[in-house]
């Protein structure tokens, strides 16, 4: 049991994510837990769409949503997928101070 916990901790330390959140071009500070949590969600979204990369950027405008992995735009062809991503991100960010919808949201995460 201890070996598996140690292996998990080692793997987790190797896959640290640096995540930044901007609302209307103003940086919203994130603690380490929140950076990892939001970063892993972005990684999961990109991987679910068949993309991976060292850096993932998500931009949410009042009427648009775009996702990039390593500067390559990820095509989001279905409205259902766009709505699922948007509602997931809004739900995750809703407890954070300084977040109001109908604003410009930028989330970037990068593997360190």
PDB file of N, CA and C in Angstrom:
ATOM      1  N   UNK A   1       0.821  -1.195   0.000  1.00  0.00           N
ATOM      2  CA  UNK A   1       0.000   0.000   0.000  1.00  0.00           C
ATOM      3  C   UNK A   1       0.863   1.257   0.000  1.00  0.00           C
ATOM      4  N   UNK A   2       1.889   1.299   0.847  1.00  0.00           N
ATOM      5  CA  UNK A   2       2.736   2.479   0.918  1.00  0.00           C
ATOM      6  C   UNK A   2       3.456   2.732  -0.396  1.00  0.00           C
ATOM      7  N   UNK A   3       3.880   1.682  -1.070  1.00  0.00           N
ATOM      8  CA  UNK A   3       4.582   1.850  -2.337  1.00  0.00           C
ATOM      9  C   UNK A   3       3.680   2.507  -3.366  1.00  0.00           C
ATOM     10  N   UNK A   4       2.419   2.116  -3.423  1.00  0.00           N
ATOM     11  CA  UNK A   4       1.521   2.704  -4.409  1.00  0.00           C
ATOM     12  C   UNK A   4       1.229   4.169  -4.095  1.00  0.00           C
ATOM     13  N   UNK A   5       1.123   4.522  -2.829  1.00  0.00           N
ATOM     14  CA  UNK A   5       0.915   5.922  -2.451  1.00  0.00           C
ATOM     15  C   UNK A   5       2.140   6.744  -2.827  1.00  0.00           C
ATOM     16  N   UNK A   6       3.319   6.209  -2.569  1.00  0.00           N
ATOM     17  CA  UNK A   6       4.558   6.905  -2.920  1.00  0.00           C
ATOM     18  C   UNK A   6       4.678   7.079  -4.431  1.00  0.00           C
ATOM     19  N   UNK A   7       4.310   6.047  -5.186  1.00  0.00           N
ATOM     20  CA  UNK A   7       4.350   6.142  -6.643  1.00  0.00           C
ATOM     21  C   UNK A   7       3.383   7.202  -7.142  1.00  0.00           C
ATOM     22  N   UNK A   8       2.197   7.246  -6.555  1.00  0.00           N
ATOM     23  CA  UNK A   8       1.210   8.245  -6.942  1.00  0.00           C
ATOM     24  C   UNK A   8       1.734   9.649  -6.669  1.00  0.00           C
ATOM     25  N   UNK A   9       2.306   9.867  -5.492  1.00  0.00           N
ATOM     26  CA  UNK A   9       2.842  11.179  -5.128  1.00  0.00           C
ATOM     27  C   UNK A   9       3.972  11.584  -6.066  1.00  0.00           C
ATOM     28  N   UNK A  10       4.814  10.637  -6.423  1.00  0.00           N
ATOM     29  CA  UNK A  10       5.919  10.913  -7.337  1.00  0.00           C
ATOM     30  C   UNK A  10       5.382  11.293  -8.717  1.00  0.00           C
ATOM     31  N   UNK A  11       4.402  10.552  -9.204  1.00  0.00           N
ATOM     32  CA  UNK A  11       3.811  10.839 -10.509  1.00  0.00           C
ATOM     33  C   UNK A  11       3.134  12.201 -10.492  1.00  0.00           C
ATOM     34  N   UNK A  12       2.403  12.492  -9.422  1.00  0.00           N
ATOM     35  CA  UNK A  12       1.707  13.767  -9.316  1.00  0.00           C
ATOM     36  C   UNK A  12       2.694  14.926  -9.316  1.00  0.00           C
ATOM     37  N   UNK A  13       3.798  14.780  -8.597  1.00  0.00           N
ATOM     38  CA  UNK A  13       4.807  15.837  -8.551  1.00  0.00           C
ATOM     39  C   UNK A  13       5.428  16.059  -9.927  1.00  0.00           C
ATOM     40  N   UNK A  14       5.551  15.001 -10.716  1.00  0.00           N
ATOM     41  CA  UNK A  14       6.146  15.108 -12.044  1.00  0.00           C
ATOM     42  C   UNK A  14       5.207  15.781 -13.035  1.00  0.00           C
ATOM     43  N   UNK A  15       3.925  15.803 -12.766  1.00  0.00           N
ATOM     44  CA  UNK A  15       2.945  16.351 -13.699  1.00  0.00           C
ATOM     45  C   UNK A  15       2.311  17.639 -13.167  1.00  0.00           C
ATOM     46  N   UNK A  16       3.104  18.503 -12.535  1.00  0.00           N
ATOM     47  CA  UNK A  16       2.588  19.749 -11.988  1.00  0.00           C
ATOM     48  C   UNK A  16       2.118  20.649 -13.124  1.00  0.00           C
ATOM     49  N   UNK A  17       1.063  21.381 -12.858  1.00  0.00           N
ATOM     50  CA  UNK A  17       0.507  22.303 -13.836  1.00  0.00           C
ATOM     51  C   UNK A  17       0.554  23.722 -13.283  1.00  0.00           C
ATOM     52  N   UNK A  18       0.939  24.652 -14.114  1.00  0.00           N
ATOM     53  CA  UNK A  18       0.896  26.071 -13.778  1.00  0.00           C
ATOM     54  C   UNK A  18      -0.312  26.636 -14.506  1.00  0.00           C
ATOM     55  N   UNK A  19      -1.311  27.070 -13.754  1.00  0.00           N
ATOM     56  CA  UNK A  19      -2.565  27.536 -14.339  1.00  0.00           C
ATOM     57  C   UNK A  19      -2.784  28.996 -13.981  1.00  0.00           C
ATOM     58  N   UNK A  20      -3.186  29.776 -14.977  1.00  0.00           N
ATOM     59  CA  UNK A  20      -3.519  31.179 -14.744  1.00  0.00           C
ATOM     60  C   UNK A  20      -4.943  31.437 -15.202  1.00  0.00           C
ATOM     61  N   UNK A  21      -5.592  32.345 -14.503  1.00  0.00           N
ATOM     62  CA  UNK A  21      -6.971  32.726 -14.803  1.00  0.00           C
ATOM     63  C   UNK A  21      -7.021  34.234 -14.946  1.00  0.00           C
ATOM     64  N   UNK A  22      -7.567  34.702 -16.057  1.00  0.00           N
ATOM     65  CA  UNK A  22      -7.763  36.128 -16.280  1.00  0.00           C
ATOM     66  C   UNK A  22      -9.235  36.391 -16.538  1.00  0.00           C
ATOM     67  N   UNK A  23      -9.740  37.437 -15.920  1.00  0.00           N
ATOM     68  CA  UNK A  23     -11.104  37.894 -16.158  1.00  0.00           C
ATOM     69  C   UNK A  23     -10.989  39.327 -16.647  1.00  0.00           C
ATOM     70  N   UNK A  24     -11.431  39.574 -17.879  1.00  0.00           N
ATOM     71  CA  UNK A  24     -11.277  40.890 -18.502  1.00  0.00           C
ATOM     72  C   UNK A  24      -9.838  41.384 -18.390  1.00  0.00           C
ATOM     73  N   UNK A  25      -8.896  40.494 -18.663  1.00  0.00           N
ATOM     74  CA  UNK A  25      -7.457  40.772 -18.666  1.00  0.00           C
ATOM     75  C   UNK A  25      -6.883  41.092 -17.288  1.00  0.00           C
ATOM     76  N   UNK A  26      -7.600  40.797 -16.222  1.00  0.00           N
ATOM     77  CA  UNK A  26      -7.114  40.974 -14.858  1.00  0.00           C
ATOM     78  C   UNK A  26      -6.849  39.589 -14.279  1.00  0.00           C
ATOM     79  N   UNK A  27      -5.643  39.394 -13.748  1.00  0.00           N
ATOM     80  CA  UNK A  27      -5.265  38.094 -13.187  1.00  0.00           C
ATOM     81  C   UNK A  27      -6.019  37.851 -11.887  1.00  0.00           C
ATOM     82  N   UNK A  28      -6.646  36.677 -11.790  1.00  0.00           N
ATOM     83  CA  UNK A  28      -7.300  36.225 -10.562  1.00  0.00           C
ATOM     84  C   UNK A  28      -6.333  35.234  -9.910  1.00  0.00           C
ATOM     85  N   UNK A  29      -5.828  35.546  -8.709  1.00  0.00           N
ATOM     86  CA  UNK A  29      -4.863  34.640  -8.074  1.00  0.00           C
ATOM     87  C   UNK A  29      -5.481  33.277  -7.759  1.00  0.00           C
ATOM     88  N   UNK A  30      -4.713  32.230  -8.010  1.00  0.00           N
ATOM     89  CA  UNK A  30      -5.139  30.860  -7.723  1.00  0.00           C
ATOM     90  C   UNK A  30      -4.116  30.203  -6.809  1.00  0.00           C
ATOM     91  N   UNK A  31      -4.603  29.528  -5.776  1.00  0.00           N
ATOM     92  CA  UNK A  31      -3.671  28.771  -4.935  1.00  0.00           C
ATOM     93  C   UNK A  31      -3.268  27.490  -5.672  1.00  0.00           C
ATOM     94  N   UNK A  32      -2.336  26.756  -5.106  1.00  0.00           N
ATOM     95  CA  UNK A  32      -1.802  25.573  -5.773  1.00  0.00           C
ATOM     96  C   UNK A  32      -2.888  24.535  -6.071  1.00  0.00           C
ATOM     97  N   UNK A  33      -3.765  24.273  -5.095  1.00  0.00           N
ATOM     98  CA  UNK A  33      -4.832  23.295  -5.317  1.00  0.00           C
ATOM     99  C   UNK A  33      -5.703  23.706  -6.502  1.00  0.00           C
ATOM    100  N   UNK A  34      -6.113  24.974  -6.525  1.00  0.00           N
ATOM    101  CA  UNK A  34      -7.000  25.451  -7.586  1.00  0.00           C
ATOM    102  C   UNK A  34      -6.306  25.404  -8.942  1.00  0.00           C
ATOM    103  N   UNK A  35      -5.021  25.729  -8.981  1.00  0.00           N
ATOM    104  CA  UNK A  35      -4.269  25.632 -10.241  1.00  0.00           C
ATOM    105  C   UNK A  35      -4.269  24.199 -10.769  1.00  0.00           C
ATOM    106  N   UNK A  36      -4.000  23.245  -9.893  1.00  0.00           N
ATOM    107  CA  UNK A  36      -3.951  21.842 -10.309  1.00  0.00           C
ATOM    108  C   UNK A  36      -5.335  21.350 -10.731  1.00  0.00           C
ATOM    109  N   UNK A  37      -6.343  21.719  -9.959  1.00  0.00           N
ATOM    110  CA  UNK A  37      -7.709  21.258 -10.215  1.00  0.00           C
ATOM    111  C   UNK A  37      -8.203  21.761 -11.572  1.00  0.00           C
ATOM    112  N   UNK A  38      -8.109  23.067 -11.785  1.00  0.00           N
ATOM    113  CA  UNK A  38      -8.575  23.648 -13.045  1.00  0.00           C
ATOM    114  C   UNK A  38      -7.702  23.161 -14.202  1.00  0.00           C
ATOM    115  N   UNK A  39      -6.398  23.077 -13.981  1.00  0.00           N
ATOM    116  CA  UNK A  39      -5.499  22.596 -15.026  1.00  0.00           C
ATOM    117  C   UNK A  39      -5.822  21.183 -15.468  1.00  0.00           C
ATOM    118  N   UNK A  40      -6.090  20.316 -14.517  1.00  0.00           N
ATOM    119  CA  UNK A  40      -6.444  18.932 -14.860  1.00  0.00           C
ATOM    120  C   UNK A  40      -7.772  18.851 -15.602  1.00  0.00           C
ATOM    121  N   UNK A  41      -8.696  19.741 -15.297  1.00  0.00           N
ATOM    122  CA  UNK A  41      -9.964  19.771 -16.038  1.00  0.00           C
ATOM    123  C   UNK A  41      -9.705  20.167 -17.491  1.00  0.00           C
ATOM    124  N   UNK A  42      -8.864  21.187 -17.715  1.00  0.00           N
ATOM    125  CA  UNK A  42      -8.544  21.587 -19.091  1.00  0.00           C
ATOM    126  C   UNK A  42      -7.849  20.460 -19.846  1.00  0.00           C
ATOM    127  N   UNK A  43      -6.918  19.792 -19.190  1.00  0.00           N
ATOM    128  CA  UNK A  43      -6.232  18.653 -19.819  1.00  0.00           C
ATOM    129  C   UNK A  43      -7.252  17.576 -20.189  1.00  0.00           C
ATOM    130  N   UNK A  44      -8.179  17.281 -19.290  1.00  0.00           N
ATOM    131  CA  UNK A  44      -9.208  16.277 -19.552  1.00  0.00           C
ATOM    132  C   UNK A  44     -10.125  16.653 -20.702  1.00  0.00           C
ATOM    133  N   UNK A  45     -10.486  17.931 -20.783  1.00  0.00           N
ATOM    134  CA  UNK A  45     -11.335  18.390 -21.891  1.00  0.00           C
ATOM    135  C   UNK A  45     -10.599  18.194 -23.214  1.00  0.00           C
ATOM    136  N   UNK A  46      -9.349  18.648 -23.276  1.00  0.00           N
ATOM    137  CA  UNK A  46      -8.574  18.521 -24.517  1.00  0.00           C
ATOM    138  C   UNK A  46      -8.395  17.052 -24.908  1.00  0.00           C
ATOM    139  N   UNK A  47      -8.056  16.217 -23.943  1.00  0.00           N
ATOM    140  CA  UNK A  47      -7.858  14.796 -24.240  1.00  0.00           C
ATOM    141  C   UNK A  47      -9.155  14.130 -24.684  1.00  0.00           C
ATOM    142  N   UNK A  48     -10.273  14.543 -24.119  1.00  0.00           N
ATOM    143  CA  UNK A  48     -11.569  13.981 -24.524  1.00  0.00           C
ATOM    144  C   UNK A  48     -11.890  14.316 -25.975  1.00  0.00           C
ATOM    145  N   UNK A  49     -11.339  15.421 -26.456  1.00  0.00           N
ATOM    146  CA  UNK A  49     -11.546  15.822 -27.847  1.00  0.00           C
ATOM    147  C   UNK A  49     -10.436  15.295 -28.762  1.00  0.00           C
ATOM    148  N   UNK A  50      -9.527  14.479 -28.197  1.00  0.00           N
ATOM    149  CA  UNK A  50      -8.482  13.853 -28.996  1.00  0.00           C
ATOM    150  C   UNK A  50      -7.217  14.680 -29.143  1.00  0.00           C
ATOM    151  N   UNK A  51      -7.026  15.677 -28.288  1.00  0.00           N
ATOM    152  CA  UNK A  51      -5.857  16.548 -28.375  1.00  0.00           C
ATOM    153  C   UNK A  51      -5.091  16.520 -27.062  1.00  0.00           C
ATOM    154  N   UNK A  52      -3.790  16.700 -27.160  1.00  0.00           N
ATOM    155  CA  UNK A  52      -2.967  16.838 -25.961  1.00  0.00           C
ATOM    156  C   UNK A  52      -1.861  17.825 -26.288  1.00  0.00           C
ATOM    157  N   UNK A  53      -1.230  18.310 -25.264  1.00  0.00           N
ATOM    158  CA  UNK A  53      -0.140  19.254 -25.472  1.00  0.00           C
ATOM    159  C   UNK A  53       0.419  19.699 -24.143  1.00  0.00           C
ATOM    160  N   UNK A  54       1.503  20.432 -24.217  1.00  0.00           N
ATOM    161  CA  UNK A  54       2.131  20.949 -23.004  1.00  0.00           C
ATOM    162  C   UNK A  54       1.360  22.149 -22.462  1.00  0.00           C
ATOM    163  N   UNK A  55       0.747  22.916 -23.359  1.00  0.00           N
ATOM    164  CA  UNK A  55       0.034  24.128 -22.964  1.00  0.00           C
ATOM    165  C   UNK A  55      -1.390  24.086 -23.533  1.00  0.00           C
ATOM    166  N   UNK A  56      -2.351  24.411 -22.685  1.00  0.00           N
ATOM    167  CA  UNK A  56      -3.753  24.443 -23.103  1.00  0.00           C
ATOM    168  C   UNK A  56      -4.323  25.803 -22.722  1.00  0.00           C
ATOM    169  N   UNK A  57      -5.005  26.432 -23.665  1.00  0.00           N
ATOM    170  CA  UNK A  57      -5.638  27.728 -23.434  1.00  0.00           C
ATOM    171  C   UNK A  57      -7.119  27.631 -23.770  1.00  0.00           C
ATOM    172  N   UNK A  58      -7.933  28.186 -22.896  1.00  0.00           N
ATOM    173  CA  UNK A  58      -9.375  28.236 -23.118  1.00  0.00           C
ATOM    174  C   UNK A  58      -9.809  29.690 -23.021  1.00  0.00           C
ATOM    175  N   UNK A  59     -10.538  30.151 -24.026  1.00  0.00           N
ATOM    176  CA  UNK A  59     -11.042  31.520 -24.055  1.00  0.00           C
ATOM    177  C   UNK A  59     -12.560  31.469 -24.112  1.00  0.00           C
ATOM    178  N   UNK A  60     -13.193  32.160 -23.181  1.00  0.00           N
ATOM    179  CA  UNK A  60     -14.650  32.237 -23.169  1.00  0.00           C
ATOM    180  C   UNK A  60     -15.032  33.704 -23.294  1.00  0.00           C
ATOM    181  N   UNK A  61     -15.761  34.011 -24.341  1.00  0.00           N
ATOM    182  CA  UNK A  61     -16.325  35.342 -24.569  1.00  0.00           C
ATOM    183  C   UNK A  61     -17.828  35.213 -24.361  1.00  0.00           C
ATOM    184  N   UNK A  62     -18.525  36.324 -24.234  1.00  0.00           N
ATOM    185  CA  UNK A  62     -19.975  36.209 -24.040  1.00  0.00           C
ATOM    186  C   UNK A  62     -20.679  35.361 -25.105  1.00  0.00           C
ATOM    187  N   UNK A  63     -20.150  35.349 -26.335  1.00  0.00           N
ATOM    188  CA  UNK A  63     -20.827  34.576 -27.379  1.00  0.00           C
ATOM    189  C   UNK A  63     -19.904  33.585 -28.086  1.00  0.00           C
ATOM    190  N   UNK A  64     -18.762  33.244 -27.477  1.00  0.00           N
ATOM    191  CA  UNK A  64     -17.827  32.344 -28.149  1.00  0.00           C
ATOM    192  C   UNK A  64     -16.988  31.580 -27.126  1.00  0.00           C
ATOM    193  N   UNK A  65     -16.489  30.430 -27.545  1.00  0.00           N
ATOM    194  CA  UNK A  65     -15.602  29.609 -26.729  1.00  0.00           C
ATOM    195  C   UNK A  65     -14.579  28.988 -27.674  1.00  0.00           C
ATOM    196  N   UNK A  66     -13.284  29.177 -27.379  1.00  0.00           N
ATOM    197  CA  UNK A  66     -12.241  28.561 -28.190  1.00  0.00           C
ATOM    198  C   UNK A  66     -11.233  27.872 -27.278  1.00  0.00           C
ATOM    199  N   UNK A  67     -10.696  26.763 -27.774  1.00  0.00           N
ATOM    200  CA  UNK A  67      -9.752  25.940 -27.026  1.00  0.00           C
ATOM    201  C   UNK A  67      -8.535  25.690 -27.909  1.00  0.00           C
ATOM    202  N   UNK A  68      -7.346  25.850 -27.330  1.00  0.00           N
ATOM    203  CA  UNK A  68      -6.097  25.624 -28.044  1.00  0.00           C
ATOM    204  C   UNK A  68      -5.217  24.674 -27.249  1.00  0.00           C
ATOM    205  N   UNK A  69      -4.507  23.798 -27.952  1.00  0.00           N
ATOM    206  CA  UNK A  69      -3.437  23.009 -27.343  1.00  0.00           C
ATOM    207  C   UNK A  69      -2.174  23.336 -28.120  1.00  0.00           C
ATOM    208  N   UNK A  70      -1.164  23.809 -27.413  1.00  0.00           N
ATOM    209  CA  UNK A  70       0.102  24.202 -28.050  1.00  0.00           C
ATOM    210  C   UNK A  70      -0.135  25.054 -29.301  1.00  0.00           C
ATOM    211  N   UNK A  71      -0.982  26.053 -29.194  1.00  0.00           N
ATOM    212  CA  UNK A  71      -1.283  27.024 -30.254  1.00  0.00           C
ATOM    213  C   UNK A  71      -2.037  26.434 -31.450  1.00  0.00           C
ATOM    214  N   UNK A  72      -2.569  25.237 -31.317  1.00  0.00           N
ATOM    215  CA  UNK A  72      -3.404  24.635 -32.362  1.00  0.00           C
ATOM    216  C   UNK A  72      -4.849  24.688 -31.879  1.00  0.00           C
ATOM    217  N   UNK A  73      -5.710  25.328 -32.675  1.00  0.00           N
ATOM    218  CA  UNK A  73      -7.107  25.425 -32.266  1.00  0.00           C
ATOM    219  C   UNK A  73      -7.779  24.063 -32.357  1.00  0.00           C
ATOM    220  N   UNK A  74      -8.454  23.710 -31.270  1.00  0.00           N
ATOM    221  CA  UNK A  74      -9.197  22.454 -31.209  1.00  0.00           C
ATOM    222  C   UNK A  74     -10.589  22.719 -31.780  1.00  0.00           C
ATOM    223  N   UNK A  75     -10.972  22.017 -32.838  1.00  0.00           N
ATOM    224  CA  UNK A  75     -12.304  22.244 -33.399  1.00  0.00           C
ATOM    225  C   UNK A  75     -13.392  21.717 -32.462  1.00  0.00           C
ATOM    226  N   UNK A  76     -14.341  22.576 -32.179  1.00  0.00           N
ATOM    227  CA  UNK A  76     -15.505  22.176 -31.381  1.00  0.00           C
ATOM    228  C   UNK A  76     -16.695  22.319 -32.327  1.00  0.00           C
ATOM    229  N   UNK A  77     -17.052  21.215 -32.942  1.00  0.00           N
ATOM    230  CA  UNK A  77     -18.032  21.237 -34.026  1.00  0.00           C
ATOM    231  C   UNK A  77     -19.479  21.182 -33.549  1.00  0.00           C
ATOM    232  N   UNK A  78     -19.706  20.556 -32.427  1.00  0.00           N
ATOM    233  CA  UNK A  78     -21.083  20.368 -31.975  1.00  0.00           C
ATOM    234  C   UNK A  78     -21.424  21.344 -30.861  1.00  0.00           C
ATOM    235  N   UNK A  79     -22.586  21.915 -30.956  1.00  0.00           N
ATOM    236  CA  UNK A  79     -23.064  22.856 -29.944  1.00  0.00           C
ATOM    237  C   UNK A  79     -23.151  22.186 -28.576  1.00  0.00           C
ATOM    238  N   UNK A  80     -23.548  20.922 -28.543  1.00  0.00           N
ATOM    239  CA  UNK A  80     -23.629  20.193 -27.276  1.00  0.00           C
ATOM    240  C   UNK A  80     -22.279  20.175 -26.564  1.00  0.00           C
ATOM    241  N   UNK A  81     -21.208  19.927 -27.313  1.00  0.00           N
ATOM    242  CA  UNK A  81     -19.862  19.872 -26.727  1.00  0.00           C
ATOM    243  C   UNK A  81     -19.477  21.243 -26.185  1.00  0.00           C
ATOM    244  N   UNK A  82     -19.737  22.289 -26.954  1.00  0.00           N
ATOM    245  CA  UNK A  82     -19.430  23.644 -26.503  1.00  0.00           C
ATOM    246  C   UNK A  82     -20.181  23.972 -25.223  1.00  0.00           C
ATOM    247  N   UNK A  83     -21.469  23.641 -25.182  1.00  0.00           N
ATOM    248  CA  UNK A  83     -22.277  23.910 -23.988  1.00  0.00           C
ATOM    249  C   UNK A  83     -21.799  23.098 -22.787  1.00  0.00           C
ATOM    250  N   UNK A  84     -21.393  21.856 -23.020  1.00  0.00           N
ATOM    251  CA  UNK A  84     -20.889  21.020 -21.930  1.00  0.00           C
ATOM    252  C   UNK A  84     -19.596  21.603 -21.350  1.00  0.00           C
ATOM    253  N   UNK A  85     -18.684  22.023 -22.218  1.00  0.00           N
ATOM    254  CA  UNK A  85     -17.432  22.631 -21.751  1.00  0.00           C
ATOM    255  C   UNK A  85     -17.724  23.922 -20.997  1.00  0.00           C
ATOM    256  N   UNK A  86     -18.541  24.771 -21.577  1.00  0.00           N
ATOM    257  CA  UNK A  86     -18.850  26.061 -20.952  1.00  0.00           C
ATOM    258  C   UNK A  86     -19.505  25.882 -19.588  1.00  0.00           C
ATOM    259  N   UNK A  87     -20.476  24.997 -19.486  1.00  0.00           N
ATOM    260  CA  UNK A  87     -21.159  24.809 -18.203  1.00  0.00           C
ATOM    261  C   UNK A  87     -20.231  24.178 -17.167  1.00  0.00           C
ATOM    262  N   UNK A  88     -19.341  23.289 -17.605  1.00  0.00           N
ATOM    263  CA  UNK A  88     -18.367  22.696 -16.684  1.00  0.00           C
ATOM    264  C   UNK A  88     -17.451  23.773 -16.113  1.00  0.00           C
ATOM    265  N   UNK A  89     -16.895  24.598 -16.976  1.00  0.00           N
ATOM    266  CA  UNK A  89     -15.977  25.652 -16.531  1.00  0.00           C
ATOM    267  C   UNK A  89     -16.701  26.665 -15.652  1.00  0.00           C
ATOM    268  N   UNK A  90     -17.887  27.060 -16.036  1.00  0.00           N
ATOM    269  CA  UNK A  90     -18.649  28.011 -15.211  1.00  0.00           C
ATOM    270  C   UNK A  90     -18.930  27.432 -13.831  1.00  0.00           C
ATOM    271  N   UNK A  91     -19.261  26.159 -13.770  1.00  0.00           N
ATOM    272  CA  UNK A  91     -19.512  25.525 -12.481  1.00  0.00           C
ATOM    273  C   UNK A  91     -18.271  25.472 -11.611  1.00  0.00           C
ATOM    274  N   UNK A  92     -17.132  25.187 -12.216  1.00  0.00           N
ATOM    275  CA  UNK A  92     -15.875  25.111 -11.467  1.00  0.00           C
ATOM    276  C   UNK A  92     -15.455  26.493 -10.964  1.00  0.00           C
ATOM    277  N   UNK A  93     -15.642  27.513 -11.788  1.00  0.00           N
ATOM    278  CA  UNK A  93     -15.185  28.854 -11.420  1.00  0.00           C
ATOM    279  C   UNK A  93     -16.172  29.621 -10.548  1.00  0.00           C
ATOM    280  N   UNK A  94     -17.418  29.177 -10.481  1.00  0.00           N
ATOM    281  CA  UNK A  94     -18.451  29.957  -9.785  1.00  0.00           C
ATOM    282  C   UNK A  94     -18.134  30.285  -8.330  1.00  0.00           C
ATOM    283  N   UNK A  95     -17.436  29.437  -7.553  1.00  0.00           N
ATOM    284  CA  UNK A  95     -17.136  29.814  -6.166  1.00  0.00           C
ATOM    285  C   UNK A  95     -16.014  30.850  -6.025  1.00  0.00           C
ATOM    286  N   UNK A  96     -15.274  31.119  -7.105  1.00  0.00           N
ATOM    287  CA  UNK A  96     -14.136  32.033  -7.014  1.00  0.00           C
ATOM    288  C   UNK A  96     -14.595  33.483  -6.993  1.00  0.00           C
ATOM    289  N   UNK A  97     -13.918  34.293  -6.208  1.00  0.00           N
ATOM    290  CA  UNK A  97     -14.219  35.722  -6.145  1.00  0.00           C
ATOM    291  C   UNK A  97     -13.748  36.393  -7.426  1.00  0.00           C
ATOM    292  N   UNK A  98     -14.501  37.378  -7.892  1.00  0.00           N
ATOM    293  CA  UNK A  98     -14.109  38.150  -9.063  1.00  0.00           C
ATOM    294  C   UNK A  98     -14.584  37.573 -10.375  1.00  0.00           C
ATOM    295  N   UNK A  99     -15.407  36.533 -10.343  1.00  0.00           N
ATOM    296  CA  UNK A  99     -15.899  35.908 -11.570  1.00  0.00           C
ATOM    297  C   UNK A  99     -17.363  36.284 -11.762  1.00  0.00           C
ATOM    298  N   UNK A 100     -17.638  36.939 -12.886  1.00  0.00           N
ATOM    299  CA  UNK A 100     -19.007  37.277 -13.248  1.00  0.00           C
ATOM    300  C   UNK A 100     -19.177  36.889 -14.709  1.00  0.00           C
ATOM    301  N   UNK A 101     -20.290  36.308 -15.048  1.00  0.00           N
ATOM    302  CA  UNK A 101     -20.470  35.859 -16.424  1.00  0.00           C
ATOM    303  C   UNK A 101     -20.828  37.019 -17.315  1.00  0.00           C
ATOM    304  N   UNK A 102     -20.750  36.794 -18.585  1.00  0.00           N
ATOM    305  CA  UNK A 102     -20.827  37.798 -19.628  1.00  0.00           C
ATOM    306  C   UNK A 102     -19.581  38.670 -19.602  1.00  0.00           C
ATOM    307  N   UNK A 103     -18.481  38.067 -19.198  1.00  0.00           N
ATOM    308  CA  UNK A 103     -17.177  38.703 -19.227  1.00  0.00           C
ATOM    309  C   UNK A 103     -16.239  37.833 -20.044  1.00  0.00           C
ATOM    310  N   UNK A 104     -15.068  38.378 -20.323  1.00  0.00           N
ATOM    311  CA  UNK A 104     -14.039  37.643 -21.042  1.00  0.00           C
ATOM    312  C   UNK A 104     -13.226  36.826 -20.032  1.00  0.00           C
ATOM    313  N   UNK A 105     -13.168  35.517 -20.232  1.00  0.00           N
ATOM    314  CA  UNK A 105     -12.450  34.606 -19.343  1.00  0.00           C
ATOM    315  C   UNK A 105     -11.336  33.935 -20.148  1.00  0.00           C
ATOM    316  N   UNK A 106     -10.130  33.943 -19.618  1.00  0.00           N
ATOM    317  CA  UNK A 106      -9.003  33.245 -20.227  1.00  0.00           C
ATOM    318  C   UNK A 106      -8.392  32.336 -19.173  1.00  0.00           C
ATOM    319  N   UNK A 107      -8.271  31.061 -19.497  1.00  0.00           N
ATOM    320  CA  UNK A 107      -7.619  30.106 -18.604  1.00  0.00           C
ATOM    321  C   UNK A 107      -6.499  29.445 -19.398  1.00  0.00           C
ATOM    322  N   UNK A 108      -5.308  29.462 -18.824  1.00  0.00           N
ATOM    323  CA  UNK A 108      -4.154  28.823 -19.455  1.00  0.00           C
ATOM    324  C   UNK A 108      -3.519  27.878 -18.457  1.00  0.00           C
ATOM    325  N   UNK A 109      -3.145  26.714 -18.925  1.00  0.00           N
ATOM    326  CA  UNK A 109      -2.416  25.777 -18.070  1.00  0.00           C
ATOM    327  C   UNK A 109      -1.250  25.218 -18.859  1.00  0.00           C
ATOM    328  N   UNK A 110      -0.157  25.004 -18.153  1.00  0.00           N
ATOM    329  CA  UNK A 110       1.046  24.496 -18.794  1.00  0.00           C
ATOM    330  C   UNK A 110       1.711  23.488 -17.876  1.00  0.00           C
ATOM    331  N   UNK A 111       2.141  22.381 -18.462  1.00  0.00           N
ATOM    332  CA  UNK A 111       2.862  21.362 -17.695  1.00  0.00           C
ATOM    333  C   UNK A 111       4.254  21.890 -17.384  1.00  0.00           C
ATOM    334  N   UNK A 112       4.628  21.801 -16.111  1.00  0.00           N
ATOM    335  CA  UNK A 112       5.955  22.289 -15.708  1.00  0.00           C
ATOM    336  C   UNK A 112       6.984  21.196 -15.834  1.00  0.00           C
TER     337      UNK A 112
END
